[in-house]
PDB file of all heavy atoms in Angstrom:
ATOM      1  N   ILE A   1      37.253  74.557  46.510  1.00  0.00           N
ATOM      2  CA  ILE A   1      35.942  73.970  46.730  1.00  0.00           C
ATOM      3  C   ILE A   1      35.697  73.800  48.227  1.00  0.00           C
ATOM      4  O   ILE A   1      36.544  73.268  48.947  1.00  0.00           O
ATOM      5  CB  ILE A   1      35.832  72.596  46.039  1.00  0.00           C
ATOM      6  CG1 ILE A   1      36.032  72.729  44.523  1.00  0.00           C
ATOM      7  CG2 ILE A   1      34.495  71.938  46.355  1.00  0.00           C
ATOM      8  CD1 ILE A   1      34.876  73.318  43.771  1.00  0.00           C
ATOM      9  N   PHE A   2      34.515  74.238  48.700  1.00  0.00           N
ATOM     10  CA  PHE A   2      34.126  74.035  50.094  1.00  0.00           C
ATOM     11  C   PHE A   2      33.029  72.964  50.150  1.00  0.00           C
ATOM     12  O   PHE A   2      32.024  73.065  49.451  1.00  0.00           O
ATOM     13  CB  PHE A   2      33.598  75.327  50.717  1.00  0.00           C
ATOM     14  CG  PHE A   2      34.649  76.377  50.920  1.00  0.00           C
ATOM     15  CD1 PHE A   2      34.832  77.378  49.977  1.00  0.00           C
ATOM     16  CD2 PHE A   2      35.462  76.360  52.035  1.00  0.00           C
ATOM     17  CE1 PHE A   2      35.801  78.352  50.149  1.00  0.00           C
ATOM     18  CE2 PHE A   2      36.442  77.328  52.216  1.00  0.00           C
ATOM     19  CZ  PHE A   2      36.616  78.324  51.277  1.00  0.00           C
ATOM     20  N   PRO A   3      33.212  71.931  50.970  1.00  0.00           N
ATOM     21  CA  PRO A   3      32.169  70.905  51.080  1.00  0.00           C
ATOM     22  C   PRO A   3      30.945  71.427  51.818  1.00  0.00           C
ATOM     23  O   PRO A   3      31.021  72.364  52.613  1.00  0.00           O
ATOM     24  CB  PRO A   3      32.856  69.786  51.867  1.00  0.00           C
ATOM     25  CG  PRO A   3      33.904  70.493  52.683  1.00  0.00           C
ATOM     26  CD  PRO A   3      34.380  71.635  51.822  1.00  0.00           C
ATOM     27  N   ALA A   4      29.806  70.798  51.528  1.00  0.00           N
ATOM     28  CA  ALA A   4      28.570  71.125  52.241  1.00  0.00           C
ATOM     29  C   ALA A   4      28.641  70.583  53.662  1.00  0.00           C
ATOM     30  O   ALA A   4      29.592  69.892  54.041  1.00  0.00           O
ATOM     31  CB  ALA A   4      27.379  70.524  51.496  1.00  0.00           C
ATOM     32  N   SER A   5      27.624  70.878  54.436  1.00  0.00           N
ATOM     33  CA  SER A   5      27.606  70.452  55.845  1.00  0.00           C
ATOM     34  C   SER A   5      27.705  68.948  55.986  1.00  0.00           C
ATOM     35  O   SER A   5      28.221  68.443  56.992  1.00  0.00           O
ATOM     36  CB  SER A   5      26.322  70.956  56.517  1.00  0.00           C
ATOM     37  OG  SER A   5      26.249  72.368  56.449  1.00  0.00           O
ATOM     38  N   ASN A   6      27.236  68.206  54.986  1.00  0.00           N
ATOM     39  CA  ASN A   6      27.303  66.744  55.035  1.00  0.00           C
ATOM     40  C   ASN A   6      28.578  66.186  54.415  1.00  0.00           C
ATOM     41  O   ASN A   6      28.709  64.970  54.257  1.00  0.00           O
ATOM     42  CB  ASN A   6      26.080  66.142  54.353  1.00  0.00           C
ATOM     43  CG  ASN A   6      26.020  66.450  52.858  1.00  0.00           C
ATOM     44  OD1 ASN A   6      26.903  67.125  52.319  1.00  0.00           O
ATOM     45  ND2 ASN A   6      24.994  65.957  52.199  1.00  0.00           N
ATOM     46  N   GLY A   7      29.513  67.058  54.029  1.00  0.00           N
ATOM     47  CA  GLY A   7      30.784  66.623  53.461  1.00  0.00           C
ATOM     48  C   GLY A   7      30.806  66.521  51.953  1.00  0.00           C
ATOM     49  O   GLY A   7      31.861  66.274  51.365  1.00  0.00           O
ATOM     50  N   ALA A   8      29.664  66.695  51.289  1.00  0.00           N
ATOM     51  CA  ALA A   8      29.606  66.569  49.833  1.00  0.00           C
ATOM     52  C   ALA A   8      30.215  67.777  49.135  1.00  0.00           C
ATOM     53  O   ALA A   8      29.963  68.922  49.532  1.00  0.00           O
ATOM     54  CB  ALA A   8      28.168  66.382  49.376  1.00  0.00           C
ATOM     55  N   THR A   9      31.015  67.543  48.106  1.00  0.00           N
ATOM     56  CA  THR A   9      31.559  68.646  47.313  1.00  0.00           C
ATOM     57  C   THR A   9      30.572  69.094  46.239  1.00  0.00           C
ATOM     58  O   THR A   9      30.704  70.191  45.686  1.00  0.00           O
ATOM     59  CB  THR A   9      32.880  68.246  46.643  1.00  0.00           C
ATOM     60  OG1 THR A   9      32.679  67.046  45.903  1.00  0.00           O
ATOM     61  CG2 THR A   9      33.966  68.033  47.681  1.00  0.00           C
ATOM     62  N   GLU A  10      29.619  68.238  45.920  1.00  0.00           N
ATOM     63  CA  GLU A  10      28.566  68.563  44.960  1.00  0.00           C
ATOM     64  C   GLU A  10      27.221  68.132  45.534  1.00  0.00           C
ATOM     65  O   GLU A  10      27.101  67.027  46.078  1.00  0.00           O
ATOM     66  CB  GLU A  10      28.802  67.840  43.620  1.00  0.00           C
ATOM     67  CG  GLU A  10      30.051  68.283  42.886  1.00  0.00           C
ATOM     68  CD  GLU A  10      30.257  67.524  41.580  1.00  0.00           C
ATOM     69  OE1 GLU A  10      29.576  66.484  41.388  1.00  0.00           O
ATOM     70  OE2 GLU A  10      31.083  67.962  40.763  1.00  0.00           O
ATOM     71  N   LEU A  11      26.250  69.010  45.405  1.00  0.00           N
ATOM     72  CA  LEU A  11      24.891  68.690  45.838  1.00  0.00           C
ATOM     73  C   LEU A  11      24.010  68.573  44.602  1.00  0.00           C
ATOM     74  O   LEU A  11      24.017  69.453  43.742  1.00  0.00           O
ATOM     75  CB  LEU A  11      24.328  69.786  46.749  1.00  0.00           C
ATOM     76  CG  LEU A  11      25.085  70.080  48.038  1.00  0.00           C
ATOM     77  CD1 LEU A  11      24.482  71.295  48.737  1.00  0.00           C
ATOM     78  CD2 LEU A  11      25.066  68.868  48.959  1.00  0.00           C
ATOM     79  N   GLU A  12      23.266  67.508  44.494  1.00  0.00           N
ATOM     80  CA  GLU A  12      22.323  67.322  43.389  1.00  0.00           C
ATOM     81  C   GLU A  12      20.945  67.741  43.889  1.00  0.00           C
ATOM     82  O   GLU A  12      20.277  67.004  44.611  1.00  0.00           O
ATOM     83  CB  GLU A  12      22.333  65.862  42.945  1.00  0.00           C
ATOM     84  CG  GLU A  12      21.765  65.635  41.560  1.00  0.00           C
ATOM     85  CD  GLU A  12      22.022  64.223  41.085  1.00  0.00           C
ATOM     86  OE1 GLU A  12      21.393  63.291  41.633  1.00  0.00           O
ATOM     87  OE2 GLU A  12      22.869  64.041  40.187  1.00  0.00           O
ATOM     88  N   VAL A  13      20.526  68.948  43.515  1.00  0.00           N
ATOM     89  CA  VAL A  13      19.333  69.565  44.085  1.00  0.00           C
ATOM     90  C   VAL A  13      18.208  69.618  43.059  1.00  0.00           C
ATOM     91  O   VAL A  13      18.407  70.040  41.918  1.00  0.00           O
ATOM     92  CB  VAL A  13      19.650  70.992  44.594  1.00  0.00           C
ATOM     93  CG1 VAL A  13      18.392  71.652  45.165  1.00  0.00           C
ATOM     94  CG2 VAL A  13      20.751  70.943  45.648  1.00  0.00           C
ATOM     95  N   GLY A  14      17.013  69.197  43.466  1.00  0.00           N
ATOM     96  CA  GLY A  14      15.837  69.299  42.616  1.00  0.00           C
ATOM     97  C   GLY A  14      15.131  70.624  42.838  1.00  0.00           C
ATOM     98  O   GLY A  14      14.991  71.081  43.974  1.00  0.00           O
ATOM     99  N   PHE A  15      14.669  71.257  41.737  1.00  0.00           N
ATOM    100  CA  PHE A  15      13.995  72.546  41.814  1.00  0.00           C
ATOM    101  C   PHE A  15      12.549  72.419  41.341  1.00  0.00           C
ATOM    102  O   PHE A  15      12.164  71.456  40.675  1.00  0.00           O
ATOM    103  CB  PHE A  15      14.751  73.581  40.971  1.00  0.00           C
ATOM    104  CG  PHE A  15      16.087  73.959  41.549  1.00  0.00           C
ATOM    105  CD1 PHE A  15      17.215  73.190  41.283  1.00  0.00           C
ATOM    106  CD2 PHE A  15      16.213  75.054  42.375  1.00  0.00           C
ATOM    107  CE1 PHE A  15      18.444  73.518  41.817  1.00  0.00           C
ATOM    108  CE2 PHE A  15      17.437  75.393  42.929  1.00  0.00           C
ATOM    109  CZ  PHE A  15      18.560  74.625  42.652  1.00  0.00           C
ATOM    110  N   ASP A  16      11.741  73.412  41.675  1.00  0.00           N
ATOM    111  CA  ASP A  16      10.310  73.346  41.399  1.00  0.00           C
ATOM    112  C   ASP A  16       9.970  73.406  39.915  1.00  0.00           C
ATOM    113  O   ASP A  16       8.834  73.133  39.527  1.00  0.00           O
ATOM    114  CB  ASP A  16       9.577  74.484  42.134  1.00  0.00           C
ATOM    115  CG  ASP A  16       9.470  74.219  43.626  1.00  0.00           C
ATOM    116  OD1 ASP A  16       9.743  73.080  44.034  1.00  0.00           O
ATOM    117  OD2 ASP A  16       9.118  75.149  44.369  1.00  0.00           O
ATOM    118  N   ASP A  17      10.927  73.792  39.059  1.00  0.00           N
ATOM    119  CA  ASP A  17      10.664  73.781  37.614  1.00  0.00           C
ATOM    120  C   ASP A  17      10.878  72.391  37.023  1.00  0.00           C
ATOM    121  O   ASP A  17      10.772  72.203  35.813  1.00  0.00           O
ATOM    122  CB  ASP A  17      11.537  74.808  36.895  1.00  0.00           C
ATOM    123  CG  ASP A  17      13.026  74.493  36.991  1.00  0.00           C
ATOM    124  OD1 ASP A  17      13.401  73.606  37.794  1.00  0.00           O
ATOM    125  OD2 ASP A  17      13.819  75.137  36.280  1.00  0.00           O
ATOM    126  N   GLY A  18      11.182  71.417  37.883  1.00  0.00           N
ATOM    127  CA  GLY A  18      11.402  70.051  37.430  1.00  0.00           C
ATOM    128  C   GLY A  18      12.849  69.719  37.131  1.00  0.00           C
ATOM    129  O   GLY A  18      13.182  68.559  36.864  1.00  0.00           O
ATOM    130  N   SER A  19      13.712  70.712  37.179  1.00  0.00           N
ATOM    131  CA  SER A  19      15.123  70.465  36.873  1.00  0.00           C
ATOM    132  C   SER A  19      15.866  69.950  38.106  1.00  0.00           C
ATOM    133  O   SER A  19      15.452  70.162  39.241  1.00  0.00           O
ATOM    134  CB  SER A  19      15.797  71.753  36.388  1.00  0.00           C
ATOM    135  OG  SER A  19      15.876  72.714  37.426  1.00  0.00           O
ATOM    136  N   THR A  20      16.953  69.258  37.841  1.00  0.00           N
ATOM    137  CA  THR A  20      17.895  68.846  38.879  1.00  0.00           C
ATOM    138  C   THR A  20      19.242  69.440  38.520  1.00  0.00           C
ATOM    139  O   THR A  20      19.717  69.280  37.385  1.00  0.00           O
ATOM    140  CB  THR A  20      18.000  67.315  38.962  1.00  0.00           C
ATOM    141  OG1 THR A  20      16.715  66.769  39.282  1.00  0.00           O
ATOM    142  CG2 THR A  20      18.989  66.902  40.040  1.00  0.00           C
ATOM    143  N   ARG A  21      19.849  70.148  39.464  1.00  0.00           N
ATOM    144  CA  ARG A  21      21.071  70.874  39.163  1.00  0.00           C
ATOM    145  C   ARG A  21      22.130  70.608  40.234  1.00  0.00           C
ATOM    146  O   ARG A  21      21.806  70.394  41.398  1.00  0.00           O
ATOM    147  CB  ARG A  21      20.805  72.380  39.078  1.00  0.00           C
ATOM    148  CG  ARG A  21      19.560  72.739  38.279  1.00  0.00           C
ATOM    149  CD  ARG A  21      19.453  74.222  38.026  1.00  0.00           C
ATOM    150  NE  ARG A  21      18.120  74.604  37.563  1.00  0.00           N
ATOM    151  CZ  ARG A  21      17.811  75.768  37.019  1.00  0.00           C
ATOM    152  NH1 ARG A  21      18.747  76.684  36.874  1.00  0.00           N
ATOM    153  NH2 ARG A  21      16.573  76.034  36.633  1.00  0.00           N
ATOM    154  N   ILE A  22      23.385  70.650  39.796  1.00  0.00           N
ATOM    155  CA  ILE A  22      24.502  70.479  40.723  1.00  0.00           C
ATOM    156  C   ILE A  22      24.839  71.832  41.352  1.00  0.00           C
ATOM    157  O   ILE A  22      25.006  72.836  40.656  1.00  0.00           O
ATOM    158  CB  ILE A  22      25.743  69.922  40.005  1.00  0.00           C
ATOM    159  CG1 ILE A  22      25.452  68.519  39.450  1.00  0.00           C
ATOM    160  CG2 ILE A  22      26.944  69.877  40.953  1.00  0.00           C
ATOM    161  CD1 ILE A  22      25.145  67.485  40.514  1.00  0.00           C
ATOM    162  N   VAL A  23      24.920  71.844  42.687  1.00  0.00           N
ATOM    163  CA  VAL A  23      25.227  73.047  43.445  1.00  0.00           C
ATOM    164  C   VAL A  23      26.591  72.869  44.107  1.00  0.00           C
ATOM    165  O   VAL A  23      26.860  71.828  44.715  1.00  0.00           O
ATOM    166  CB  VAL A  23      24.151  73.324  44.516  1.00  0.00           C
ATOM    167  CG1 VAL A  23      24.536  74.539  45.368  1.00  0.00           C
ATOM    168  CG2 VAL A  23      22.794  73.529  43.848  1.00  0.00           C
ATOM    169  N   ARG A  24      27.435  73.886  43.999  1.00  0.00           N
ATOM    170  CA  ARG A  24      28.774  73.852  44.620  1.00  0.00           C
ATOM    171  C   ARG A  24      29.076  75.196  45.269  1.00  0.00           C
ATOM    172  O   ARG A  24      28.559  76.225  44.845  1.00  0.00           O
ATOM    173  CB  ARG A  24      29.843  73.560  43.561  1.00  0.00           C
ATOM    174  CG  ARG A  24      29.791  72.177  42.955  1.00  0.00           C
ATOM    175  CD  ARG A  24      30.549  72.107  41.649  1.00  0.00           C
ATOM    176  NE  ARG A  24      29.895  72.886  40.610  1.00  0.00           N
ATOM    177  CZ  ARG A  24      30.396  73.087  39.395  1.00  0.00           C
ATOM    178  NH1 ARG A  24      31.577  72.599  39.083  1.00  0.00           N
ATOM    179  NH2 ARG A  24      29.732  73.795  38.502  1.00  0.00           N
ATOM    180  N   LEU A  25      29.937  75.166  46.268  1.00  0.00           N
ATOM    181  CA  LEU A  25      30.390  76.388  46.931  1.00  0.00           C
ATOM    182  C   LEU A  25      31.888  76.532  46.716  1.00  0.00           C
ATOM    183  O   LEU A  25      32.665  75.631  47.040  1.00  0.00           O
ATOM    184  CB  LEU A  25      30.084  76.341  48.424  1.00  0.00           C
ATOM    185  CG  LEU A  25      30.382  77.641  49.185  1.00  0.00           C
ATOM    186  CD1 LEU A  25      29.390  78.735  48.788  1.00  0.00           C
ATOM    187  CD2 LEU A  25      30.322  77.420  50.706  1.00  0.00           C
ATOM    188  N   LEU A  26      32.294  77.691  46.167  1.00  0.00           N
ATOM    189  CA  LEU A  26      33.691  77.973  45.864  1.00  0.00           C
ATOM    190  C   LEU A  26      34.141  79.229  46.605  1.00  0.00           C
ATOM    191  O   LEU A  26      33.324  80.056  47.008  1.00  0.00           O
ATOM    192  CB  LEU A  26      33.884  78.198  44.360  1.00  0.00           C
ATOM    193  CG  LEU A  26      33.926  77.017  43.415  1.00  0.00           C
ATOM    194  CD1 LEU A  26      32.603  76.256  43.388  1.00  0.00           C
ATOM    195  CD2 LEU A  26      34.269  77.484  42.000  1.00  0.00           C
ATOM    196  N   SER A  27      35.430  79.366  46.747  1.00  0.00           N
ATOM    197  CA  SER A  27      35.972  80.603  47.288  1.00  0.00           C
ATOM    198  C   SER A  27      35.790  81.717  46.258  1.00  0.00           C
ATOM    199  O   SER A  27      35.836  81.478  45.047  1.00  0.00           O
ATOM    200  CB  SER A  27      37.458  80.444  47.625  1.00  0.00           C
ATOM    201  OG  SER A  27      38.194  80.046  46.480  1.00  0.00           O
ATOM    202  N   PHE A  28      35.576  82.929  46.724  1.00  0.00           N
ATOM    203  CA  PHE A  28      35.503  84.100  45.848  1.00  0.00           C
ATOM    204  C   PHE A  28      36.896  84.731  45.792  1.00  0.00           C
ATOM    205  O   PHE A  28      37.502  85.025  46.830  1.00  0.00           O
ATOM    206  CB  PHE A  28      34.499  85.117  46.379  1.00  0.00           C
ATOM    207  CG  PHE A  28      34.442  86.382  45.565  1.00  0.00           C
ATOM    208  CD1 PHE A  28      33.734  86.415  44.377  1.00  0.00           C
ATOM    209  CD2 PHE A  28      35.113  87.524  45.978  1.00  0.00           C
ATOM    210  CE1 PHE A  28      33.684  87.571  43.608  1.00  0.00           C
ATOM    211  CE2 PHE A  28      35.071  88.685  45.220  1.00  0.00           C
ATOM    212  CZ  PHE A  28      34.355  88.712  44.030  1.00  0.00           C
ATOM    213  N   LEU A  29      37.415  84.913  44.588  1.00  0.00           N
ATOM    214  CA  LEU A  29      38.751  85.488  44.418  1.00  0.00           C
ATOM    215  C   LEU A  29      38.623  86.986  44.166  1.00  0.00           C
ATOM    216  O   LEU A  29      38.223  87.418  43.087  1.00  0.00           O
ATOM    217  CB  LEU A  29      39.470  84.800  43.261  1.00  0.00           C
ATOM    218  CG  LEU A  29      39.647  83.280  43.426  1.00  0.00           C
ATOM    219  CD1 LEU A  29      40.394  82.682  42.240  1.00  0.00           C
ATOM    220  CD2 LEU A  29      40.368  82.956  44.726  1.00  0.00           C
ATOM    221  N   ALA A  30      38.939  87.750  45.191  1.00  0.00           N
ATOM    222  CA  ALA A  30      38.780  89.199  45.115  1.00  0.00           C
ATOM    223  C   ALA A  30      39.888  89.827  44.279  1.00  0.00           C
ATOM    224  O   ALA A  30      41.007  89.317  44.194  1.00  0.00           O
ATOM    225  CB  ALA A  30      38.796  89.788  46.525  1.00  0.00           C
ATOM    226  N   GLY A  31      39.572  90.950  43.663  1.00  0.00           N
ATOM    227  CA  GLY A  31      40.551  91.675  42.870  1.00  0.00           C
ATOM    228  C   GLY A  31      39.864  92.484  41.791  1.00  0.00           C
ATOM    229  O   GLY A  31      38.654  92.723  41.837  1.00  0.00           O
ATOM    230  N   THR A  32      40.642  92.900  40.815  1.00  0.00           N
ATOM    231  CA  THR A  32      40.144  93.727  39.724  1.00  0.00           C
ATOM    232  C   THR A  32      40.125  92.905  38.445  1.00  0.00           C
ATOM    233  O   THR A  32      41.127  92.271  38.108  1.00  0.00           O
ATOM    234  CB  THR A  32      41.060  94.950  39.531  1.00  0.00           C
ATOM    235  OG1 THR A  32      41.189  95.653  40.766  1.00  0.00           O
ATOM    236  CG2 THR A  32      40.493  95.883  38.475  1.00  0.00           C
ATOM    237  N   PRO A  33      39.023  92.889  37.706  1.00  0.00           N
ATOM    238  CA  PRO A  33      38.989  92.134  36.446  1.00  0.00           C
ATOM    239  C   PRO A  33      40.097  92.587  35.496  1.00  0.00           C
ATOM    240  O   PRO A  33      40.333  93.789  35.330  1.00  0.00           O
ATOM    241  CB  PRO A  33      37.603  92.447  35.883  1.00  0.00           C
ATOM    242  CG  PRO A  33      36.774  92.806  37.080  1.00  0.00           C
ATOM    243  CD  PRO A  33      37.712  93.511  38.010  1.00  0.00           C
ATOM    244  N   PHE A  34      40.761  91.627  34.886  1.00  0.00           N
ATOM    245  CA  PHE A  34      41.895  91.917  34.008  1.00  0.00           C
ATOM    246  C   PHE A  34      41.511  92.893  32.901  1.00  0.00           C
ATOM    247  O   PHE A  34      42.307  93.770  32.537  1.00  0.00           O
ATOM    248  CB  PHE A  34      42.416  90.607  33.407  1.00  0.00           C
ATOM    249  CG  PHE A  34      43.731  90.715  32.681  1.00  0.00           C
ATOM    250  CD1 PHE A  34      44.906  90.296  33.282  1.00  0.00           C
ATOM    251  CD2 PHE A  34      43.809  91.231  31.386  1.00  0.00           C
ATOM    252  CE1 PHE A  34      46.123  90.382  32.617  1.00  0.00           C
ATOM    253  CE2 PHE A  34      45.015  91.327  30.713  1.00  0.00           C
ATOM    254  CZ  PHE A  34      46.178  90.899  31.327  1.00  0.00           C
ATOM    255  N   HIS A  35      40.301  92.757  32.371  1.00  0.00           N
ATOM    256  CA  HIS A  35      39.919  93.586  31.229  1.00  0.00           C
ATOM    257  C   HIS A  35      39.705  95.054  31.594  1.00  0.00           C
ATOM    258  O   HIS A  35      39.554  95.888  30.708  1.00  0.00           O
ATOM    259  CB  HIS A  35      38.661  93.032  30.543  1.00  0.00           C
ATOM    260  CG  HIS A  35      37.407  93.171  31.351  1.00  0.00           C
ATOM    261  ND1 HIS A  35      37.077  92.289  32.365  1.00  0.00           N
ATOM    262  CD2 HIS A  35      36.391  94.067  31.303  1.00  0.00           C
ATOM    263  CE1 HIS A  35      35.917  92.649  32.886  1.00  0.00           C
ATOM    264  NE2 HIS A  35      35.488  93.721  32.270  1.00  0.00           N
ATOM    265  N   THR A  36      39.723  95.376  32.900  1.00  0.00           N
ATOM    266  CA  THR A  36      39.521  96.763  33.317  1.00  0.00           C
ATOM    267  C   THR A  36      40.812  97.458  33.736  1.00  0.00           C
ATOM    268  O   THR A  36      40.786  98.643  34.049  1.00  0.00           O
ATOM    269  CB  THR A  36      38.527  96.838  34.490  1.00  0.00           C
ATOM    270  OG1 THR A  36      39.104  96.220  35.655  1.00  0.00           O
ATOM    271  CG2 THR A  36      37.213  96.148  34.143  1.00  0.00           C
ATOM    272  N   VAL A  37      41.925  96.745  33.750  1.00  0.00           N
ATOM    273  CA  VAL A  37      43.182  97.336  34.200  1.00  0.00           C
ATOM    274  C   VAL A  37      44.070  97.658  32.999  1.00  0.00           C
ATOM    275  O   VAL A  37      43.908  97.098  31.911  1.00  0.00           O
ATOM    276  CB  VAL A  37      43.941  96.404  35.167  1.00  0.00           C
ATOM    277  CG1 VAL A  37      43.063  96.016  36.340  1.00  0.00           C
ATOM    278  CG2 VAL A  37      44.448  95.165  34.453  1.00  0.00           C
ATOM    279  N   GLU A  38      45.010  98.564  33.225  1.00  0.00           N
ATOM    280  CA  GLU A  38      46.007  98.856  32.204  1.00  0.00           C
ATOM    281  C   GLU A  38      47.080  97.782  32.273  1.00  0.00           C
ATOM    282  O   GLU A  38      47.766  97.632  33.278  1.00  0.00           O
ATOM    283  CB  GLU A  38      46.616 100.247  32.418  1.00  0.00           C
ATOM    284  CG  GLU A  38      47.603 100.650  31.337  1.00  0.00           C
ATOM    285  CD  GLU A  38      48.108 102.070  31.502  1.00  0.00           C
ATOM    286  OE1 GLU A  38      47.543 102.807  32.342  1.00  0.00           O
ATOM    287  OE2 GLU A  38      49.058 102.445  30.791  1.00  0.00           O
ATOM    288  N   SER A  39      47.212  97.030  31.197  1.00  0.00           N
ATOM    289  CA  SER A  39      48.150  95.912  31.202  1.00  0.00           C
ATOM    290  C   SER A  39      49.595  96.410  31.184  1.00  0.00           C
ATOM    291  O   SER A  39      49.886  97.531  30.762  1.00  0.00           O
ATOM    292  CB  SER A  39      47.893  95.009  29.998  1.00  0.00           C
ATOM    293  OG  SER A  39      48.708  93.871  30.046  1.00  0.00           O
ATOM    294  N   SER A  40      50.491  95.564  31.641  1.00  0.00           N
ATOM    295  CA  SER A  40      51.923  95.864  31.638  1.00  0.00           C
ATOM    296  C   SER A  40      52.675  94.585  31.302  1.00  0.00           C
ATOM    297  O   SER A  40      52.126  93.472  31.401  1.00  0.00           O
ATOM    298  CB  SER A  40      52.378  96.373  33.004  1.00  0.00           C
ATOM    299  OG  SER A  40      52.255  95.354  33.992  1.00  0.00           O
ATOM    300  N   ALA A  41      53.931  94.726  30.916  1.00  0.00           N
ATOM    301  CA  ALA A  41      54.738  93.544  30.603  1.00  0.00           C
ATOM    302  C   ALA A  41      54.852  92.635  31.823  1.00  0.00           C
ATOM    303  O   ALA A  41      54.787  91.403  31.696  1.00  0.00           O
ATOM    304  CB  ALA A  41      56.125  93.973  30.119  1.00  0.00           C
ATOM    305  N   ALA A  42      54.998  93.229  32.999  1.00  0.00           N
ATOM    306  CA  ALA A  42      55.123  92.415  34.220  1.00  0.00           C
ATOM    307  C   ALA A  42      53.844  91.630  34.491  1.00  0.00           C
ATOM    308  O   ALA A  42      53.895  90.459  34.883  1.00  0.00           O
ATOM    309  CB  ALA A  42      55.454  93.315  35.406  1.00  0.00           C
ATOM    310  N   LEU A  43      52.699  92.266  34.285  1.00  0.00           N
ATOM    311  CA  LEU A  43      51.432  91.571  34.504  1.00  0.00           C
ATOM    312  C   LEU A  43      51.258  90.452  33.487  1.00  0.00           C
ATOM    313  O   LEU A  43      50.831  89.343  33.841  1.00  0.00           O
ATOM    314  CB  LEU A  43      50.271  92.557  34.398  1.00  0.00           C
ATOM    315  CG  LEU A  43      48.866  91.967  34.579  1.00  0.00           C
ATOM    316  CD1 LEU A  43      48.716  91.324  35.953  1.00  0.00           C
ATOM    317  CD2 LEU A  43      47.801  93.035  34.369  1.00  0.00           C
ATOM    318  N   ARG A  44      51.611  90.713  32.244  1.00  0.00           N
ATOM    319  CA  ARG A  44      51.482  89.677  31.220  1.00  0.00           C
ATOM    320  C   ARG A  44      52.429  88.515  31.490  1.00  0.00           C
ATOM    321  O   ARG A  44      52.076  87.349  31.263  1.00  0.00           O
ATOM    322  CB  ARG A  44      51.724  90.272  29.834  1.00  0.00           C
ATOM    323  CG  ARG A  44      50.639  91.249  29.397  1.00  0.00           C
ATOM    324  CD  ARG A  44      50.821  91.660  27.953  1.00  0.00           C
ATOM    325  NE  ARG A  44      52.003  92.490  27.751  1.00  0.00           N
ATOM    326  CZ  ARG A  44      52.030  93.809  27.823  1.00  0.00           C
ATOM    327  NH1 ARG A  44      50.917  94.478  28.135  1.00  0.00           N
ATOM    328  NH2 ARG A  44      53.130  94.498  27.589  1.00  0.00           N
ATOM    329  N   ARG A  45      53.597  88.804  32.001  1.00  0.00           N
ATOM    330  CA  ARG A  45      54.520  87.718  32.352  1.00  0.00           C
ATOM    331  C   ARG A  45      53.965  86.885  33.496  1.00  0.00           C
ATOM    332  O   ARG A  45      54.079  85.652  33.495  1.00  0.00           O
ATOM    333  CB  ARG A  45      55.900  88.289  32.706  1.00  0.00           C
ATOM    334  CG  ARG A  45      56.698  88.758  31.496  1.00  0.00           C
ATOM    335  CD  ARG A  45      58.155  89.006  31.861  1.00  0.00           C
ATOM    336  NE  ARG A  45      58.319  90.140  32.756  1.00  0.00           N
ATOM    337  CZ  ARG A  45      58.539  91.390  32.346  1.00  0.00           C
ATOM    338  NH1 ARG A  45      58.603  91.662  31.049  1.00  0.00           N
ATOM    339  NH2 ARG A  45      58.688  92.363  33.219  1.00  0.00           N
ATOM    340  N   ASP A  46      53.364  87.536  34.470  1.00  0.00           N
ATOM    341  CA  ASP A  46      52.779  86.776  35.575  1.00  0.00           C
ATOM    342  C   ASP A  46      51.617  85.915  35.082  1.00  0.00           C
ATOM    343  O   ASP A  46      51.436  84.779  35.527  1.00  0.00           O
ATOM    344  CB  ASP A  46      52.304  87.714  36.686  1.00  0.00           C
ATOM    345  CG  ASP A  46      52.064  86.981  38.004  1.00  0.00           C
ATOM    346  OD1 ASP A  46      52.934  86.183  38.410  1.00  0.00           O
ATOM    347  OD2 ASP A  46      50.998  87.178  38.611  1.00  0.00           O
TER     348      ASP A  46
END
């Protein structure tokens, strides 16, 4: 989790449709989706 500029880990933001939603910033974990790779015993153990 990355905090916002004001230190908040969650921002409660109002939108023009009348909704209020929690906004957060997370790290993106790069790699290949598991469902697209050929599985192996070593990968399953990990």
